[in-house]
């Protein structure tokens, strides 16, 4: 049975487990090896179940724990060529593999797709699980391109960035250059931009939404969920009847798992 474990989400570290209880992959590994092992354990996932690490991009909150984790547990690390080159000095002599053509890992079909972010060659991932379910993760992206929309369409479960409330960001303490970066087409997806696509995705077949990479300074789970629920309600959909929606925790200390 396919399961998603949102392990960590946010600027302090990101990681997700996708697969079954016995075999799956990590998408990113920003926190330390020790913290990763601990949260996986709380989710009921043994380290022996992890068969590989997929990397979305080379920013430290996504790769900070990879060097130790991959070496300790002999895990291959998959990413695009640009990301592999950018991250190589930070991860040492771990096994690095080009994912640009897709791969079959842990009994699942993994396909990357390009996203827009201020780094070398960032991607999201669409995964077809061993029991025939489709999952997609798209975070750290400045806008919803046609490639991103195509990857999200028709999935059973989606992790989608809902990073900031635009007014909180504009009125907040960040310096102007950082605000411009976040709001740019290579920055992060706002609550409004995320919410705007949800009715269309639900119509395409998506029933489970996980809002991710929320800013601690410029957002809250309540604001992110309110924006998404409002958009879906306006389109005529009812929460817990037509769809399920939640936010990924900063650190999944409760061992929350999404079965889909």
C-alpha atoms as a PDB file:
ATOM      1  CA  UNK A   1       0.000   0.000   0.000  1.00  0.00           C
ATOM      2  CA  UNK A   2       1.449   3.345  -1.080  1.00  0.00           C
ATOM      3  CA  UNK A   3       2.292   5.741   1.713  1.00  0.00           C
ATOM      4  CA  UNK A   4       3.717   9.220   2.005  1.00  0.00           C
ATOM      5  CA  UNK A   5       5.562  10.282   5.136  1.00  0.00           C
ATOM      6  CA  UNK A   6       6.245  14.044   5.198  1.00  0.00           C
ATOM      7  CA  UNK A   7       9.336  13.932   7.418  1.00  0.00           C
ATOM      8  CA  UNK A   8      10.466  17.573   7.371  1.00  0.00           C
ATOM      9  CA  UNK A   9       9.184  20.624   5.516  1.00  0.00           C
ATOM     10  CA  UNK A  10      10.395  24.217   5.480  1.00  0.00           C
ATOM     11  CA  UNK A  11      13.508  26.368   5.286  1.00  0.00           C
ATOM     12  CA  UNK A  12      15.183  24.461   8.144  1.00  0.00           C
ATOM     13  CA  UNK A  13      15.062  21.142   6.300  1.00  0.00           C
ATOM     14  CA  UNK A  14      13.049  19.085   3.813  1.00  0.00           C
ATOM     15  CA  UNK A  15      12.512  15.369   3.300  1.00  0.00           C
ATOM     16  CA  UNK A  16       9.709  13.011   2.281  1.00  0.00           C
ATOM     17  CA  UNK A  17       9.449   9.225   2.198  1.00  0.00           C
ATOM     18  CA  UNK A  18       7.349   7.663  -0.553  1.00  0.00           C
ATOM     19  CA  UNK A  19       6.768   3.952  -1.087  1.00  0.00           C
ATOM     20  CA  UNK A  20       5.539   1.034   0.980  1.00  0.00           C
ATOM     21  CA  UNK A  21       6.473   0.104   4.529  1.00  0.00           C
ATOM     22  CA  UNK A  22       9.103  -2.294   3.154  1.00  0.00           C
ATOM     23  CA  UNK A  23      10.591  -0.369   0.209  1.00  0.00           C
ATOM     24  CA  UNK A  24      10.650   3.254  -0.873  1.00  0.00           C
ATOM     25  CA  UNK A  25      12.752   6.335  -1.536  1.00  0.00           C
ATOM     26  CA  UNK A  26      13.510   9.624   0.147  1.00  0.00           C
ATOM     27  CA  UNK A  27      12.942  12.860  -1.709  1.00  0.00           C
ATOM     28  CA  UNK A  28      15.622  15.193  -0.322  1.00  0.00           C
ATOM     29  CA  UNK A  29      17.416  14.864   3.005  1.00  0.00           C
ATOM     30  CA  UNK A  30      18.073  18.289   4.483  1.00  0.00           C
ATOM     31  CA  UNK A  31      18.231  17.499   8.226  1.00  0.00           C
ATOM     32  CA  UNK A  32      20.991  15.481   9.886  1.00  0.00           C
ATOM     33  CA  UNK A  33      21.291  11.725   9.547  1.00  0.00           C
ATOM     34  CA  UNK A  34      20.325  11.237  13.197  1.00  0.00           C
ATOM     35  CA  UNK A  35      17.168  13.326  12.867  1.00  0.00           C
ATOM     36  CA  UNK A  36      16.227  11.583   9.626  1.00  0.00           C
ATOM     37  CA  UNK A  37      16.599   8.155  11.206  1.00  0.00           C
ATOM     38  CA  UNK A  38      14.540   9.219  14.220  1.00  0.00           C
ATOM     39  CA  UNK A  39      11.598  10.622  12.261  1.00  0.00           C
ATOM     40  CA  UNK A  40      11.545   7.651   9.883  1.00  0.00           C
ATOM     41  CA  UNK A  41      11.324   5.408  12.938  1.00  0.00           C
ATOM     42  CA  UNK A  42       8.365   7.380  14.279  1.00  0.00           C
ATOM     43  CA  UNK A  43       6.657   6.813  10.913  1.00  0.00           C
ATOM     44  CA  UNK A  44       7.255   3.072  11.209  1.00  0.00           C
ATOM     45  CA  UNK A  45       9.858   2.989   8.432  1.00  0.00           C
ATOM     46  CA  UNK A  46      13.098   1.054   8.950  1.00  0.00           C
ATOM     47  CA  UNK A  47      16.220   2.466   7.277  1.00  0.00           C
ATOM     48  CA  UNK A  48      16.534  -0.829   5.387  1.00  0.00           C
ATOM     49  CA  UNK A  49      13.355   0.140   3.505  1.00  0.00           C
ATOM     50  CA  UNK A  50      15.037   3.218   2.011  1.00  0.00           C
ATOM     51  CA  UNK A  51      16.561   2.269  -1.338  1.00  0.00           C
ATOM     52  CA  UNK A  52      17.678   5.652  -2.698  1.00  0.00           C
ATOM     53  CA  UNK A  53      17.622   9.418  -2.204  1.00  0.00           C
ATOM     54  CA  UNK A  54      16.130  11.665  -4.888  1.00  0.00           C
ATOM     55  CA  UNK A  55      17.262  15.288  -4.855  1.00  0.00           C
ATOM     56  CA  UNK A  56      15.137  18.177  -6.113  1.00  0.00           C
ATOM     57  CA  UNK A  57      17.945  20.764  -6.021  1.00  0.00           C
ATOM     58  CA  UNK A  58      21.190  21.605  -4.247  1.00  0.00           C
ATOM     59  CA  UNK A  59      20.109  24.145  -1.598  1.00  0.00           C
ATOM     60  CA  UNK A  60      21.323  23.150   1.866  1.00  0.00           C
ATOM     61  CA  UNK A  61      17.857  22.661   3.364  1.00  0.00           C
ATOM     62  CA  UNK A  62      17.398  19.820   0.853  1.00  0.00           C
ATOM     63  CA  UNK A  63      20.818  18.130   0.876  1.00  0.00           C
ATOM     64  CA  UNK A  64      22.344  18.933   4.289  1.00  0.00           C
ATOM     65  CA  UNK A  65      22.048  15.376   5.636  1.00  0.00           C
ATOM     66  CA  UNK A  66      22.825  13.453   2.473  1.00  0.00           C
ATOM     67  CA  UNK A  67      26.562  12.963   2.879  1.00  0.00           C
ATOM     68  CA  UNK A  68      26.347  11.124   6.208  1.00  0.00           C
ATOM     69  CA  UNK A  69      23.025   9.395   5.521  1.00  0.00           C
ATOM     70  CA  UNK A  70      24.063   8.025   2.122  1.00  0.00           C
ATOM     71  CA  UNK A  71      27.470   6.851   3.327  1.00  0.00           C
ATOM     72  CA  UNK A  72      26.161   5.243   6.513  1.00  0.00           C
ATOM     73  CA  UNK A  73      23.362   3.340   4.765  1.00  0.00           C
ATOM     74  CA  UNK A  74      25.011   2.837   1.345  1.00  0.00           C
ATOM     75  CA  UNK A  75      22.337   4.755  -0.539  1.00  0.00           C
ATOM     76  CA  UNK A  76      22.636   5.957  -4.143  1.00  0.00           C
ATOM     77  CA  UNK A  77      21.725   9.595  -4.732  1.00  0.00           C
ATOM     78  CA  UNK A  78      19.774  10.591  -7.856  1.00  0.00           C
ATOM     79  CA  UNK A  79      19.500  14.088  -9.334  1.00  0.00           C
ATOM     80  CA  UNK A  80      19.766  15.968 -12.617  1.00  0.00           C
ATOM     81  CA  UNK A  81      23.256  16.563 -14.092  1.00  0.00           C
ATOM     82  CA  UNK A  82      23.239  20.230 -13.121  1.00  0.00           C
ATOM     83  CA  UNK A  83      22.234  19.460  -9.554  1.00  0.00           C
ATOM     84  CA  UNK A  84      24.789  16.637  -9.291  1.00  0.00           C
ATOM     85  CA  UNK A  85      27.570  19.003 -10.345  1.00  0.00           C
ATOM     86  CA  UNK A  86      26.406  21.711  -7.947  1.00  0.00           C
ATOM     87  CA  UNK A  87      26.047  19.401  -4.954  1.00  0.00           C
ATOM     88  CA  UNK A  88      29.127  17.211  -5.499  1.00  0.00           C
ATOM     89  CA  UNK A  89      31.491  19.344  -3.360  1.00  0.00           C
ATOM     90  CA  UNK A  90      29.042  19.175  -0.435  1.00  0.00           C
ATOM     91  CA  UNK A  91      28.231  15.447  -0.432  1.00  0.00           C
ATOM     92  CA  UNK A  92      31.682  13.927  -0.882  1.00  0.00           C
ATOM     93  CA  UNK A  93      32.182  10.521  -2.473  1.00  0.00           C
ATOM     94  CA  UNK A  94      28.620   9.172  -2.308  1.00  0.00           C
ATOM     95  CA  UNK A  95      27.237   7.403  -5.378  1.00  0.00           C
ATOM     96  CA  UNK A  96      25.697  10.051  -7.640  1.00  0.00           C
ATOM     97  CA  UNK A  97      23.414   8.997 -10.511  1.00  0.00           C
ATOM     98  CA  UNK A  98      21.754  11.005 -13.289  1.00  0.00           C
ATOM     99  CA  UNK A  99      17.936  10.860 -12.957  1.00  0.00           C
ATOM    100  CA  UNK A 100      17.117  12.977 -16.014  1.00  0.00           C
ATOM    101  CA  UNK A 101      15.851   9.974 -18.010  1.00  0.00           C
ATOM    102  CA  UNK A 102      13.804   8.601 -15.125  1.00  0.00           C
ATOM    103  CA  UNK A 103      14.477   5.434 -13.132  1.00  0.00           C
ATOM    104  CA  UNK A 104      12.857   2.377 -11.566  1.00  0.00           C
ATOM    105  CA  UNK A 105      13.533   2.394  -7.838  1.00  0.00           C
ATOM    106  CA  UNK A 106      12.045   0.347  -4.990  1.00  0.00           C
ATOM    107  CA  UNK A 107       9.545  -1.142  -7.434  1.00  0.00           C
ATOM    108  CA  UNK A 108       8.343   2.308  -8.511  1.00  0.00           C
ATOM    109  CA  UNK A 109       8.671   4.342 -11.700  1.00  0.00           C
ATOM    110  CA  UNK A 110      10.254   7.733 -10.986  1.00  0.00           C
ATOM    111  CA  UNK A 111      10.062  10.617 -13.452  1.00  0.00           C
ATOM    112  CA  UNK A 112      11.540  14.080 -12.848  1.00  0.00           C
ATOM    113  CA  UNK A 113      10.097  17.250 -14.359  1.00  0.00           C
ATOM    114  CA  UNK A 114      11.618  20.750 -14.486  1.00  0.00           C
ATOM    115  CA  UNK A 115      10.608  23.513 -12.096  1.00  0.00           C
ATOM    116  CA  UNK A 116      11.637  27.166 -11.924  1.00  0.00           C
ATOM    117  CA  UNK A 117      13.898  28.005  -8.970  1.00  0.00           C
ATOM    118  CA  UNK A 118      17.138  29.921  -8.464  1.00  0.00           C
ATOM    119  CA  UNK A 119      19.525  26.969  -8.628  1.00  0.00           C
ATOM    120  CA  UNK A 120      21.298  24.788 -11.175  1.00  0.00           C
ATOM    121  CA  UNK A 121      18.728  22.321 -12.584  1.00  0.00           C
ATOM    122  CA  UNK A 122      15.810  21.877 -10.158  1.00  0.00           C
ATOM    123  CA  UNK A 123      13.043  19.317 -10.558  1.00  0.00           C
ATOM    124  CA  UNK A 124       9.943  17.902  -8.965  1.00  0.00           C
ATOM    125  CA  UNK A 125       9.102  14.200  -9.080  1.00  0.00           C
ATOM    126  CA  UNK A 126       6.145  12.167 -10.288  1.00  0.00           C
ATOM    127  CA  UNK A 127       6.173   8.586  -9.007  1.00  0.00           C
ATOM    128  CA  UNK A 128       4.068   5.586 -10.078  1.00  0.00           C
ATOM    129  CA  UNK A 129       4.022   3.213  -7.128  1.00  0.00           C
ATOM    130  CA  UNK A 130       4.093  -0.571  -7.131  1.00  0.00           C
ATOM    131  CA  UNK A 131       0.376  -0.779  -6.366  1.00  0.00           C
ATOM    132  CA  UNK A 132      -0.594   1.479  -9.249  1.00  0.00           C
ATOM    133  CA  UNK A 133      -0.946   4.821  -7.478  1.00  0.00           C
ATOM    134  CA  UNK A 134       0.451   8.134  -8.732  1.00  0.00           C
ATOM    135  CA  UNK A 135       2.181  10.687  -6.521  1.00  0.00           C
ATOM    136  CA  UNK A 136       3.709  14.056  -7.331  1.00  0.00           C
ATOM    137  CA  UNK A 137       5.888  16.501  -5.384  1.00  0.00           C
ATOM    138  CA  UNK A 138       6.388  20.066  -6.586  1.00  0.00           C
ATOM    139  CA  UNK A 139       8.031  22.471  -4.141  1.00  0.00           C
ATOM    140  CA  UNK A 140      10.527  25.342  -4.431  1.00  0.00           C
ATOM    141  CA  UNK A 141       9.099  26.741  -7.637  1.00  0.00           C
ATOM    142  CA  UNK A 142       8.372  30.286  -8.670  1.00  0.00           C
ATOM    143  CA  UNK A 143       5.363  29.540 -10.847  1.00  0.00           C
ATOM    144  CA  UNK A 144       3.223  26.710 -12.202  1.00  0.00           C
ATOM    145  CA  UNK A 145       4.577  25.958 -15.654  1.00  0.00           C
ATOM    146  CA  UNK A 146       2.867  23.703 -18.188  1.00  0.00           C
ATOM    147  CA  UNK A 147       5.353  20.925 -17.303  1.00  0.00           C
ATOM    148  CA  UNK A 148       4.475  21.193 -13.628  1.00  0.00           C
ATOM    149  CA  UNK A 149       0.736  21.184 -14.313  1.00  0.00           C
ATOM    150  CA  UNK A 150       1.069  18.114 -16.525  1.00  0.00           C
ATOM    151  CA  UNK A 151       3.015  16.260 -13.828  1.00  0.00           C
ATOM    152  CA  UNK A 152       0.445  17.100 -11.138  1.00  0.00           C
ATOM    153  CA  UNK A 153      -2.582  16.179 -13.256  1.00  0.00           C
ATOM    154  CA  UNK A 154      -4.459  13.041 -12.305  1.00  0.00           C
ATOM    155  CA  UNK A 155      -2.313  11.996  -9.364  1.00  0.00           C
ATOM    156  CA  UNK A 156      -3.792  10.261  -6.335  1.00  0.00           C
ATOM    157  CA  UNK A 157      -1.790  12.426  -3.919  1.00  0.00           C
ATOM    158  CA  UNK A 158       0.096  15.689  -4.398  1.00  0.00           C
ATOM    159  CA  UNK A 159       2.627  17.608  -2.304  1.00  0.00           C
ATOM    160  CA  UNK A 160       2.514  21.214  -3.498  1.00  0.00           C
ATOM    161  CA  UNK A 161       4.295  24.289  -2.214  1.00  0.00           C
ATOM    162  CA  UNK A 162       2.231  26.929  -0.395  1.00  0.00           C
ATOM    163  CA  UNK A 163       5.153  28.966   0.855  1.00  0.00           C
ATOM    164  CA  UNK A 164       3.925  32.416   1.804  1.00  0.00           C
ATOM    165  CA  UNK A 165       1.089  34.848   2.240  1.00  0.00           C
ATOM    166  CA  UNK A 166       1.950  37.684  -0.144  1.00  0.00           C
ATOM    167  CA  UNK A 167       0.845  40.493   2.170  1.00  0.00           C
ATOM    168  CA  UNK A 168       2.697  39.031   5.152  1.00  0.00           C
ATOM    169  CA  UNK A 169       5.824  38.821   3.036  1.00  0.00           C
ATOM    170  CA  UNK A 170       5.488  42.355   1.668  1.00  0.00           C
ATOM    171  CA  UNK A 171       4.875  43.857   5.099  1.00  0.00           C
ATOM    172  CA  UNK A 172       7.364  41.660   6.942  1.00  0.00           C
ATOM    173  CA  UNK A 173      10.975  42.171   8.057  1.00  0.00           C
ATOM    174  CA  UNK A 174      12.782  40.527   5.129  1.00  0.00           C
ATOM    175  CA  UNK A 175      15.130  42.859   3.190  1.00  0.00           C
ATOM    176  CA  UNK A 176      13.788  43.998  -0.208  1.00  0.00           C
ATOM    177  CA  UNK A 177      16.171  41.814  -2.297  1.00  0.00           C
ATOM    178  CA  UNK A 178      14.995  38.678  -0.466  1.00  0.00           C
ATOM    179  CA  UNK A 179      11.354  39.671  -0.880  1.00  0.00           C
ATOM    180  CA  UNK A 180      11.908  40.166  -4.611  1.00  0.00           C
ATOM    181  CA  UNK A 181      13.631  36.776  -4.851  1.00  0.00           C
ATOM    182  CA  UNK A 182      10.763  34.948  -3.137  1.00  0.00           C
ATOM    183  CA  UNK A 183       8.123  36.709  -5.250  1.00  0.00           C
ATOM    184  CA  UNK A 184       9.991  36.164  -8.540  1.00  0.00           C
ATOM    185  CA  UNK A 185       9.381  33.483 -11.164  1.00  0.00           C
ATOM    186  CA  UNK A 186      12.386  31.628  -9.688  1.00  0.00           C
ATOM    187  CA  UNK A 187      11.272  31.992  -6.081  1.00  0.00           C
ATOM    188  CA  UNK A 188       8.498  30.283  -4.122  1.00  0.00           C
ATOM    189  CA  UNK A 189       4.813  29.612  -4.708  1.00  0.00           C
ATOM    190  CA  UNK A 190       2.392  31.751  -2.696  1.00  0.00           C
ATOM    191  CA  UNK A 191      -0.749  30.568  -0.920  1.00  0.00           C
ATOM    192  CA  UNK A 192      -2.854  32.195  -3.610  1.00  0.00           C
ATOM    193  CA  UNK A 193      -0.971  30.629  -6.510  1.00  0.00           C
ATOM    194  CA  UNK A 194      -1.154  27.207  -4.884  1.00  0.00           C
ATOM    195  CA  UNK A 195      -4.853  27.548  -4.053  1.00  0.00           C
ATOM    196  CA  UNK A 196      -5.694  28.725  -7.548  1.00  0.00           C
ATOM    197  CA  UNK A 197      -4.745  25.434  -9.193  1.00  0.00           C
ATOM    198  CA  UNK A 198      -6.354  23.079  -6.674  1.00  0.00           C
ATOM    199  CA  UNK A 199      -9.900  23.045  -8.159  1.00  0.00           C
ATOM    200  CA  UNK A 200      -8.437  22.178 -11.560  1.00  0.00           C
ATOM    201  CA  UNK A 201      -6.305  19.420 -10.038  1.00  0.00           C
ATOM    202  CA  UNK A 202      -9.257  18.003  -8.141  1.00  0.00           C
ATOM    203  CA  UNK A 203     -11.234  17.939 -11.367  1.00  0.00           C
ATOM    204  CA  UNK A 204      -8.354  15.971 -12.952  1.00  0.00           C
ATOM    205  CA  UNK A 205      -8.611  13.302 -10.258  1.00  0.00           C
ATOM    206  CA  UNK A 206      -6.413  14.458  -7.365  1.00  0.00           C
ATOM    207  CA  UNK A 207      -8.066  13.750  -4.021  1.00  0.00           C
ATOM    208  CA  UNK A 208      -5.280  14.221  -1.451  1.00  0.00           C
ATOM    209  CA  UNK A 209      -3.376  17.491  -1.104  1.00  0.00           C
ATOM    210  CA  UNK A 210      -0.424  18.159   1.191  1.00  0.00           C
ATOM    211  CA  UNK A 211       0.621  21.828   1.389  1.00  0.00           C
ATOM    212  CA  UNK A 212       4.375  22.096   1.887  1.00  0.00           C
ATOM    213  CA  UNK A 213       7.407  24.317   2.450  1.00  0.00           C
ATOM    214  CA  UNK A 214       5.448  26.876   4.490  1.00  0.00           C
ATOM    215  CA  UNK A 215       7.473  29.879   5.610  1.00  0.00           C
ATOM    216  CA  UNK A 216       7.656  30.322   9.381  1.00  0.00           C
ATOM    217  CA  UNK A 217       7.991  34.094   9.017  1.00  0.00           C
ATOM    218  CA  UNK A 218       5.541  34.774   6.198  1.00  0.00           C
ATOM    219  CA  UNK A 219       2.841  32.129   6.563  1.00  0.00           C
ATOM    220  CA  UNK A 220       0.996  29.782   8.898  1.00  0.00           C
ATOM    221  CA  UNK A 221      -0.765  26.437   8.421  1.00  0.00           C
ATOM    222  CA  UNK A 222      -4.045  28.209   9.130  1.00  0.00           C
ATOM    223  CA  UNK A 223      -3.512  30.818   6.402  1.00  0.00           C
ATOM    224  CA  UNK A 224      -2.310  28.265   3.841  1.00  0.00           C
ATOM    225  CA  UNK A 225      -5.210  25.917   4.477  1.00  0.00           C
ATOM    226  CA  UNK A 226      -7.741  28.761   4.517  1.00  0.00           C
ATOM    227  CA  UNK A 227      -6.630  29.967   1.079  1.00  0.00           C
ATOM    228  CA  UNK A 228      -6.831  26.480  -0.407  1.00  0.00           C
ATOM    229  CA  UNK A 229     -10.160  25.607   1.198  1.00  0.00           C
ATOM    230  CA  UNK A 230     -11.655  28.922   0.066  1.00  0.00           C
ATOM    231  CA  UNK A 231     -10.677  28.266  -3.553  1.00  0.00           C
ATOM    232  CA  UNK A 232     -12.052  24.729  -3.460  1.00  0.00           C
ATOM    233  CA  UNK A 233     -15.246  25.808  -1.684  1.00  0.00           C
ATOM    234  CA  UNK A 234     -15.852  28.543  -4.250  1.00  0.00           C
ATOM    235  CA  UNK A 235     -15.520  25.868  -6.949  1.00  0.00           C
ATOM    236  CA  UNK A 236     -18.223  23.835  -5.216  1.00  0.00           C
ATOM    237  CA  UNK A 237     -16.120  21.193  -3.465  1.00  0.00           C
ATOM    238  CA  UNK A 238     -16.529  20.056   0.144  1.00  0.00           C
ATOM    239  CA  UNK A 239     -13.561  19.212   2.373  1.00  0.00           C
ATOM    240  CA  UNK A 240     -13.491  15.652   3.759  1.00  0.00           C
ATOM    241  CA  UNK A 241     -16.120  14.713   1.177  1.00  0.00           C
ATOM    242  CA  UNK A 242     -14.582  15.600  -2.185  1.00  0.00           C
ATOM    243  CA  UNK A 243     -10.962  15.923  -1.073  1.00  0.00           C
ATOM    244  CA  UNK A 244      -8.525  15.637   1.833  1.00  0.00           C
ATOM    245  CA  UNK A 245      -6.098  18.464   2.616  1.00  0.00           C
ATOM    246  CA  UNK A 246      -3.386  18.992   5.230  1.00  0.00           C
ATOM    247  CA  UNK A 247      -0.113  20.834   5.733  1.00  0.00           C
ATOM    248  CA  UNK A 248       3.243  19.098   5.981  1.00  0.00           C
ATOM    249  CA  UNK A 249       4.706  19.566   9.475  1.00  0.00           C
ATOM    250  CA  UNK A 250       8.006  21.354   9.997  1.00  0.00           C
ATOM    251  CA  UNK A 251       9.108  18.150  11.764  1.00  0.00           C
ATOM    252  CA  UNK A 252       6.872  15.095  11.772  1.00  0.00           C
ATOM    253  CA  UNK A 253       7.303  14.236  15.447  1.00  0.00           C
ATOM    254  CA  UNK A 254       3.850  12.601  15.484  1.00  0.00           C
ATOM    255  CA  UNK A 255       4.771  10.098  12.765  1.00  0.00           C
ATOM    256  CA  UNK A 256       1.923  11.200  10.517  1.00  0.00           C
ATOM    257  CA  UNK A 257       1.555   9.057   7.400  1.00  0.00           C
ATOM    258  CA  UNK A 258      -0.635   9.630   4.339  1.00  0.00           C
ATOM    259  CA  UNK A 259      -1.992   6.417   2.801  1.00  0.00           C
ATOM    260  CA  UNK A 260      -3.234   6.839  -0.752  1.00  0.00           C
END
